[in-house]
C-alpha cells in the first residue's frame, strides 16, 4: 500500500515539475481560494477522529486538506511577493502577506488540528528574516552615508 502511494507521489512530482511557471502564477490565487473553501467545509463536514475534524473521508480514501493548503499558501504567498510593485515597507502589502498566512492557520485551528497550524509559523519566521534583512540593509546604508559625510565634512555630523 505504501509503495502505491510512493509511486503516486513520484508521478505527481514529475507532473508538477513539468508545469510551466506561467500556470503557477495564473492559478496561485484560485488554488489558494479553493483550499480555503475546502478547509472551511472540512470544519463542518469532517467526522470527529480523535477530537479533530480535519480528515475528509471520500469512500476508501481519507485526505487532510490542511496538508495541501500548506502548498497552496506557499504558492499564493510567492505570487504576492513576486507582484510588481510589492514592498515589505508598505503596510497594506504586509497586511496582505499576514492575511494569506493567518486565514488558513485559523481555519486549521478551528479543526482542532494545532499541529498542522503550527507549521504556518515557519512562514512567519522566513518573512521575519526577510523583513529584518530589508530593514538592516537600509540601516547599514544610512550609517554608511553618515560615515561618508563624517569623513568628508567632520563638523556636519557632530
Protein backbone atom coordinates (compact mmCIF):
# COMPACT_ATOMS: atom_id res chain seq x y z
CA UNK A 1 0.00 0.00 0.00
CA UNK A 2 2.85 2.40 0.86
CA UNK A 3 4.59 1.60 -2.43
CA UNK A 4 1.45 2.61 -4.32
CA UNK A 5 1.43 6.00 -2.55
CA UNK A 6 5.16 6.46 -3.18
CA UNK A 7 4.57 5.73 -6.87
CA UNK A 8 1.68 8.20 -7.00
CA UNK A 9 3.82 10.84 -5.29
CA UNK A 10 6.64 10.34 -7.79
CA UNK A 11 4.28 10.65 -10.75
CA UNK A 12 2.73 13.78 -9.21
CA UNK A 13 6.20 15.26 -8.61
CA UNK A 14 7.19 14.70 -12.23
CA UNK A 15 3.95 16.30 -13.45
CA UNK A 16 4.36 19.31 -11.14
CA UNK A 17 7.96 19.85 -12.20
CA UNK A 18 6.94 19.91 -15.86
CA UNK A 19 4.26 22.58 -15.46
CA UNK A 20 5.34 25.96 -16.81
CA UNK A 21 5.83 28.89 -14.44
CA UNK A 22 3.05 30.95 -16.01
CA UNK A 23 0.45 28.40 -14.88
CA UNK A 24 1.61 28.60 -11.28
CA UNK A 25 1.35 32.38 -11.49
CA UNK A 26 -2.06 32.23 -13.13
CA UNK A 27 -3.63 29.73 -10.73
CA UNK A 28 -1.95 30.71 -7.43
CA UNK A 29 -4.88 32.76 -6.11
CA UNK A 30 -7.67 30.43 -7.36
CA UNK A 31 -5.92 27.37 -5.87
CA UNK A 32 -5.46 29.21 -2.57
CA UNK A 33 -9.14 30.24 -2.54
CA UNK A 34 -10.24 26.68 -3.34
CA UNK A 35 -8.24 25.29 -0.44
CA UNK A 36 -9.60 27.95 1.92
CA UNK A 37 -13.08 26.85 0.93
CA UNK A 38 -12.11 23.20 1.42
CA UNK A 39 -10.69 23.99 4.87
CA UNK A 40 -13.92 25.78 5.79
CA UNK A 41 -16.06 22.88 4.57
CA UNK A 42 -13.85 20.43 6.45
CA UNK A 43 -14.73 22.07 9.77
CA UNK A 44 -18.42 21.20 9.28
CA UNK A 45 -18.33 18.02 7.21
CA UNK A 46 -15.36 16.03 8.51
CA UNK A 47 -16.08 13.31 11.07
CA UNK A 48 -14.65 13.58 14.57
CA UNK A 49 -11.47 11.49 14.61
CA UNK A 50 -9.70 11.62 17.98
CA UNK A 51 -11.13 15.08 18.70
CA UNK A 52 -10.11 16.52 15.35
CA UNK A 53 -12.31 17.43 12.38
CA UNK A 54 -9.52 17.56 9.83
CA UNK A 55 -9.93 14.43 7.71
CA UNK A 56 -12.32 14.23 4.77
CA UNK A 57 -13.48 10.71 4.04
CA UNK A 58 -14.14 10.03 0.36
CA UNK A 59 -15.06 6.36 0.24
CA UNK A 60 -11.93 4.35 0.98
CA UNK A 61 -9.71 7.43 0.77
CA UNK A 62 -9.06 9.88 3.60
CA UNK A 63 -7.44 13.22 2.87
CA UNK A 64 -6.36 16.02 5.13
CA UNK A 65 -6.86 19.33 3.29
CA UNK A 66 -4.61 21.13 5.78
CA UNK A 67 -1.60 19.36 4.28
CA UNK A 68 -2.40 20.51 0.75
CA UNK A 69 -3.25 24.01 1.91
CA UNK A 70 0.36 24.50 3.02
CA UNK A 71 1.41 24.17 -0.60
CA UNK A 72 -1.39 26.50 -1.71
CA UNK A 73 -0.38 29.07 0.91
CA UNK A 74 3.27 28.98 -0.15
CA UNK A 75 2.22 29.32 -3.79
CA UNK A 76 -0.10 32.26 -3.06
CA UNK A 77 2.48 33.97 -0.86
CA UNK A 78 5.18 33.62 -3.50
CA UNK A 79 2.78 35.03 -6.09
CA UNK A 80 2.11 38.06 -3.89
CA UNK A 81 5.80 38.62 -3.17
CA UNK A 82 6.63 38.49 -6.88
CA UNK A 83 3.93 41.02 -7.81
CA UNK A 84 5.31 44.13 -9.50
CA UNK A 85 5.45 46.98 -7.01
CA UNK A 86 5.24 44.79 -3.91
CA UNK A 87 7.12 46.29 -0.97
CA UNK A 88 7.77 44.94 2.51
CA UNK A 89 7.74 48.54 3.68
CA UNK A 90 4.16 49.20 2.57
CA UNK A 91 1.73 48.44 5.37
CA UNK A 92 -1.02 47.23 3.01
CA UNK A 93 1.35 44.68 1.43
CA UNK A 94 2.43 43.38 4.83
CA UNK A 95 -1.23 43.05 5.89
CA UNK A 96 -1.98 41.06 2.71
CA UNK A 97 1.00 38.84 3.46
CA UNK A 98 -0.11 38.20 7.02
CA UNK A 99 -3.69 37.51 5.95
CA UNK A 100 -2.52 34.89 3.44
CA UNK A 101 -0.79 33.07 6.30
CA UNK A 102 -3.23 33.65 9.18
CA UNK A 103 -6.54 32.77 7.47
CA UNK A 104 -5.72 29.11 6.71
CA UNK A 105 -3.93 28.85 10.05
CA UNK A 106 -7.11 29.90 11.90
CA UNK A 107 -9.27 27.55 9.83
CA UNK A 108 -6.95 24.68 10.74
CA UNK A 109 -7.05 25.63 14.44
CA UNK A 110 -10.86 25.53 14.22
CA UNK A 111 -10.50 21.90 13.09
CA UNK A 112 -8.64 21.17 16.37
CA UNK A 113 -5.50 20.39 14.37
CA UNK A 114 -3.00 22.64 16.12
CA UNK A 115 -0.01 20.59 15.00
CA UNK A 116 -0.64 21.42 11.35
CA UNK A 117 -1.40 25.04 12.25
CA UNK A 118 1.99 25.39 13.94
CA UNK A 119 3.70 24.67 10.63
CA UNK A 120 2.41 28.03 9.39
CA UNK A 121 4.69 29.73 11.91
CA UNK A 122 7.55 28.77 9.60
CA UNK A 123 6.16 31.26 7.07
CA UNK A 124 6.39 33.99 9.72
CA UNK A 125 10.00 33.09 10.56
CA UNK A 126 11.02 33.26 6.90
CA UNK A 127 9.22 36.57 6.36
CA UNK A 128 10.60 37.99 9.61
CA UNK A 129 14.09 37.17 8.34
CA UNK A 130 13.28 38.84 5.02
CA UNK A 131 11.90 42.00 6.66
CA UNK A 132 14.84 42.16 9.06
CA UNK A 133 17.32 41.91 6.18
CA UNK A 134 15.49 44.65 4.28
CA UNK A 135 15.48 46.98 7.28
CA UNK A 136 19.12 46.18 8.18
CA UNK A 137 20.29 46.90 4.64
CA UNK A 138 18.66 50.31 4.77
CA UNK A 139 20.04 51.00 8.25
CA UNK A 140 23.52 49.96 7.12
CA UNK A 141 23.21 52.20 4.06
CA UNK A 142 22.14 55.14 6.24
CA UNK A 143 25.04 54.55 8.65
CA UNK A 144 27.44 54.29 5.72
CA UNK A 145 26.14 57.61 4.38
CA UNK A 146 26.66 59.26 7.79
CA UNK A 147 30.19 57.81 7.91
CA UNK A 148 30.99 59.16 4.44
CA UNK A 149 29.64 62.61 5.36
CA UNK A 150 31.72 62.49 8.58
CA UNK A 151 34.88 61.73 6.61
CA UNK A 152 34.22 64.43 4.01
CA UNK A 153 32.92 67.09 6.36
CA UNK A 154 33.50 66.16 10.04
CA UNK A 155 31.70 69.15 11.51
CA UNK A 156 28.45 68.33 9.63
CA UNK A 157 27.79 65.17 11.66
CA UNK A 158 28.75 66.49 15.11
